[in-house]
Amino acid sequence: MEKIVHRYEEKFSLIYRAANIGYWTIFVMMILALLALAVFVGMHYFHIQPTIFGANTFTISNDLAFGVFQFRVTHLAIATIVLTSYVVIYGGLLLYVFKTLKKLALFGKEGDIFRPESKKIIQNLSGLFIFLAILGTRLVVVPIVIFIIILYESFFVGYHYKKENEKLSEENNLTI
C-alpha cells in the first residue's frame, strides 16, 4: 500500500511539473508572438532611411501619417488586430487550462482528487477542451493528454485504495 501511495505522489508531481512547463512555455510564446507582431508593424510603419551624416533616422510612412486624417484602415492593420486578438484569447485560454491542470495535479498529489471543487474543475476543463477541439487546434493535444493522465491516475489509485480498505475491513471483521 505504501508503494502505491509513493508512486501516486510521484506521478502527480511529474504531472504538476509538466503542466507548469506548459504554462510557462505558452506564456513565453504569447509574449514572443506579441513582440513579433509589434516589430512587424513597426517595420511596416517606420522606415529607416540614411541621412547625409550616415546616421539612421526614423520617418513615419505615408500610411500612418495620412491614415489618421483620412480614416483609412489598411489590410495590415486589420490582420494585426486579428492576429493579436487570436494570440491573446487563445493564449489566455491555454494559460487558464494549464493553471487549472496544475491545481488539479496538486489535489491529486494530496490524495484528495474527489473533492467537489475538483469535480467542478474537471467539468469546466471538459467543456473548454470540447470548445478548443471544435476550433481544431493542435496545441490542445498536450493539455488533453495531461488531463486524461490525471483522471486515469486518480481513478486507478482511488480504486486500489478502495480495494485495500475493503480487504483491511474484511481482515478486521475476521479477527474480531
Protein backbone atom coordinates (compact mmCIF):
# COMPACT_ATOMS: atom_id res chain seq x y z
CA MET A 1 0.00 0.00 0.00
CA GLU A 2 2.86 2.36 0.86
CA LYS A 3 4.42 1.69 -2.54
CA ILE A 4 1.17 2.62 -4.31
CA VAL A 5 0.87 5.89 -2.39
CA HIS A 6 4.51 6.80 -3.12
CA ARG A 7 4.06 6.03 -6.83
CA TYR A 8 0.85 8.06 -6.81
CA GLU A 9 2.52 11.14 -5.30
CA GLU A 10 5.48 10.76 -7.65
CA LYS A 11 3.27 10.65 -10.75
CA PHE A 12 1.24 13.67 -9.69
CA SER A 13 4.41 15.66 -9.02
CA LEU A 14 5.54 14.78 -12.57
CA ILE A 15 2.14 15.83 -13.91
CA TYR A 16 2.39 19.10 -11.97
CA ARG A 17 5.83 19.77 -13.46
CA ALA A 18 4.55 19.03 -16.98
CA ALA A 19 1.63 21.44 -16.50
CA ASN A 20 3.98 24.06 -15.07
CA ILE A 21 6.34 23.74 -18.04
CA GLY A 22 3.36 24.01 -20.41
CA TYR A 23 2.10 27.10 -18.59
CA TRP A 24 5.41 28.97 -18.81
CA THR A 25 6.02 27.83 -22.40
CA ILE A 26 2.67 29.23 -23.53
CA PHE A 27 3.28 32.42 -21.54
CA VAL A 28 6.68 32.99 -23.20
CA MET A 29 5.25 32.10 -26.63
CA MET A 30 2.47 34.67 -26.15
CA ILE A 31 4.95 37.39 -25.25
CA LEU A 32 7.22 36.50 -28.19
CA ALA A 33 4.28 36.43 -30.62
CA LEU A 34 3.07 39.84 -29.46
CA LEU A 35 6.63 41.20 -29.67
CA ALA A 36 6.99 39.81 -33.20
CA LEU A 37 3.72 41.47 -34.20
CA ALA A 38 4.90 44.76 -32.72
CA VAL A 39 8.21 44.54 -34.60
CA PHE A 40 6.43 43.65 -37.84
CA VAL A 41 4.04 46.57 -37.55
CA GLY A 42 6.90 48.85 -36.54
CA MET A 43 8.93 47.81 -39.56
CA HIS A 44 5.97 48.48 -41.83
CA TYR A 45 5.09 51.91 -40.47
CA PHE A 46 8.55 53.21 -39.56
CA HIS A 47 11.18 53.16 -42.29
CA ILE A 48 14.89 53.60 -41.59
CA GLN A 49 16.48 56.00 -44.08
CA PRO A 50 20.14 57.04 -44.19
CA THR A 51 20.88 60.76 -43.89
CA ILE A 52 23.78 62.87 -45.18
CA PHE A 53 25.75 62.24 -41.98
CA GLY A 54 25.37 58.46 -42.20
CA ALA A 55 23.14 58.12 -39.15
CA ASN A 56 19.82 56.33 -39.33
CA THR A 57 16.66 58.29 -38.68
CA PHE A 58 13.11 57.07 -38.30
CA THR A 59 10.50 58.55 -40.57
CA ILE A 60 6.82 57.83 -40.40
CA SER A 61 5.47 56.32 -43.60
CA ASN A 62 2.62 57.88 -45.52
CA ASP A 63 0.18 55.13 -44.49
CA LEU A 64 0.39 56.07 -40.84
CA ALA A 65 0.82 59.83 -41.21
CA PHE A 66 -2.10 60.41 -43.55
CA GLY A 67 -4.18 57.41 -42.49
CA VAL A 68 -5.19 59.23 -39.33
CA PHE A 69 -6.62 62.13 -41.28
CA GLN A 70 -8.23 60.02 -43.99
CA PHE A 71 -9.68 57.43 -41.56
CA ARG A 72 -8.29 54.69 -43.74
CA VAL A 73 -7.59 51.25 -42.28
CA THR A 74 -5.09 49.15 -44.19
CA HIS A 75 -5.25 45.39 -44.59
CA LEU A 76 -2.14 45.10 -42.43
CA ALA A 77 -3.87 46.86 -39.54
CA ILE A 78 -6.85 44.51 -39.74
CA ALA A 79 -4.57 41.46 -39.93
CA THR A 80 -2.55 42.75 -36.97
CA ILE A 81 -5.67 43.26 -34.86
CA VAL A 82 -6.95 39.78 -35.74
CA LEU A 83 -3.60 38.10 -35.01
CA THR A 84 -3.15 39.98 -31.74
CA SER A 85 -6.63 39.10 -30.54
CA TYR A 86 -6.07 35.46 -31.57
CA VAL A 87 -2.79 35.30 -29.63
CA VAL A 88 -4.28 36.95 -26.55
CA ILE A 89 -7.55 34.97 -26.47
CA TYR A 90 -6.14 31.57 -27.41
CA GLY A 91 -3.02 32.03 -25.30
CA GLY A 92 -5.16 33.14 -22.37
CA LEU A 93 -7.33 30.04 -22.70
CA LEU A 94 -4.28 27.80 -22.75
CA LEU A 95 -2.80 29.60 -19.74
CA TYR A 96 -6.08 29.02 -17.89
CA VAL A 97 -6.06 25.34 -18.89
CA PHE A 98 -2.51 24.77 -17.66
CA LYS A 99 -3.16 26.71 -14.45
CA THR A 100 -6.20 24.57 -13.62
CA LEU A 101 -4.30 21.41 -14.56
CA LYS A 102 -1.63 22.42 -12.05
CA LYS A 103 -4.32 22.89 -9.39
CA LEU A 104 -5.88 19.52 -10.25
CA ALA A 105 -2.47 17.83 -10.05
CA LEU A 106 -1.93 19.34 -6.60
CA PHE A 107 -5.29 17.96 -5.47
CA GLY A 108 -4.26 14.57 -6.83
CA LYS A 109 -0.89 14.70 -5.10
CA GLU A 110 -2.63 15.38 -1.80
CA GLY A 111 -4.85 12.36 -2.47
CA ASP A 112 -7.98 14.50 -2.42
CA ILE A 113 -8.92 14.46 -6.09
CA PHE A 114 -12.57 13.62 -5.40
CA ARG A 115 -13.47 16.84 -3.59
CA PRO A 116 -16.38 18.87 -5.06
CA GLU A 117 -14.06 21.67 -6.21
CA SER A 118 -12.01 19.28 -8.35
CA LYS A 119 -15.18 17.81 -9.88
CA LYS A 120 -16.20 21.33 -10.94
CA ILE A 121 -12.71 21.91 -12.40
CA ILE A 122 -12.98 18.65 -14.36
CA GLN A 123 -16.36 19.71 -15.77
CA ASN A 124 -15.04 23.16 -16.77
CA LEU A 125 -11.95 21.68 -18.41
CA SER A 126 -14.03 19.14 -20.31
CA GLY A 127 -16.21 21.89 -21.75
CA LEU A 128 -13.18 24.01 -22.60
CA PHE A 129 -11.46 21.09 -24.32
CA ILE A 130 -14.56 20.47 -26.43
CA PHE A 131 -14.60 24.16 -27.41
CA LEU A 132 -10.88 24.14 -28.28
CA ALA A 133 -11.24 20.86 -30.19
CA ILE A 134 -14.01 22.42 -32.27
CA LEU A 135 -11.57 25.19 -33.18
CA GLY A 136 -9.31 22.42 -34.47
CA THR A 137 -6.07 23.49 -32.88
CA ARG A 138 -3.15 21.14 -32.40
CA LEU A 139 -1.84 22.82 -29.24
CA VAL A 140 -4.78 21.33 -27.34
CA VAL A 141 -3.25 17.84 -27.52
CA VAL A 142 -0.78 18.36 -24.64
CA PRO A 143 -3.32 19.66 -22.07
CA ILE A 144 -5.78 16.92 -23.04
CA VAL A 145 -3.12 14.24 -22.53
CA ILE A 146 -2.21 15.69 -19.11
CA PHE A 147 -5.92 15.86 -18.20
CA ILE A 148 -6.51 12.22 -19.18
CA ILE A 149 -3.43 11.12 -17.21
CA ILE A 150 -4.69 12.96 -14.13
CA LEU A 151 -8.13 11.34 -14.40
CA TYR A 152 -6.70 7.88 -15.08
CA GLU A 153 -4.24 8.04 -12.20
CA SER A 154 -6.74 9.40 -9.71
CA PHE A 155 -9.41 6.81 -10.52
CA PHE A 156 -6.86 3.96 -10.75
CA VAL A 157 -5.30 4.73 -7.38
CA GLY A 158 -8.71 5.54 -5.87
CA TYR A 159 -9.86 2.09 -6.95
CA HIS A 160 -6.80 0.49 -5.31
CA TYR A 161 -7.42 2.48 -2.13
CA LYS A 162 -10.99 1.23 -2.07
CA LYS A 163 -9.94 -2.40 -2.62
CA GLU A 164 -7.24 -2.12 0.04
CA ASN A 165 -9.72 -0.65 2.53
CA GLU A 166 -12.22 -3.43 1.79
CA LYS A 167 -9.50 -6.04 2.30
CA LEU A 168 -8.42 -4.45 5.58
CA SER A 169 -12.02 -4.20 6.81
CA GLU A 170 -12.60 -7.89 5.96
CA GLU A 171 -9.44 -8.85 7.87
CA ASN A 172 -10.56 -6.76 10.83
CA ASN A 173 -14.01 -8.35 10.77
CA LEU A 174 -12.50 -11.85 10.68
CA THR A 175 -10.19 -11.17 13.62
CA ILE A 176 -12.97 -9.75 15.78
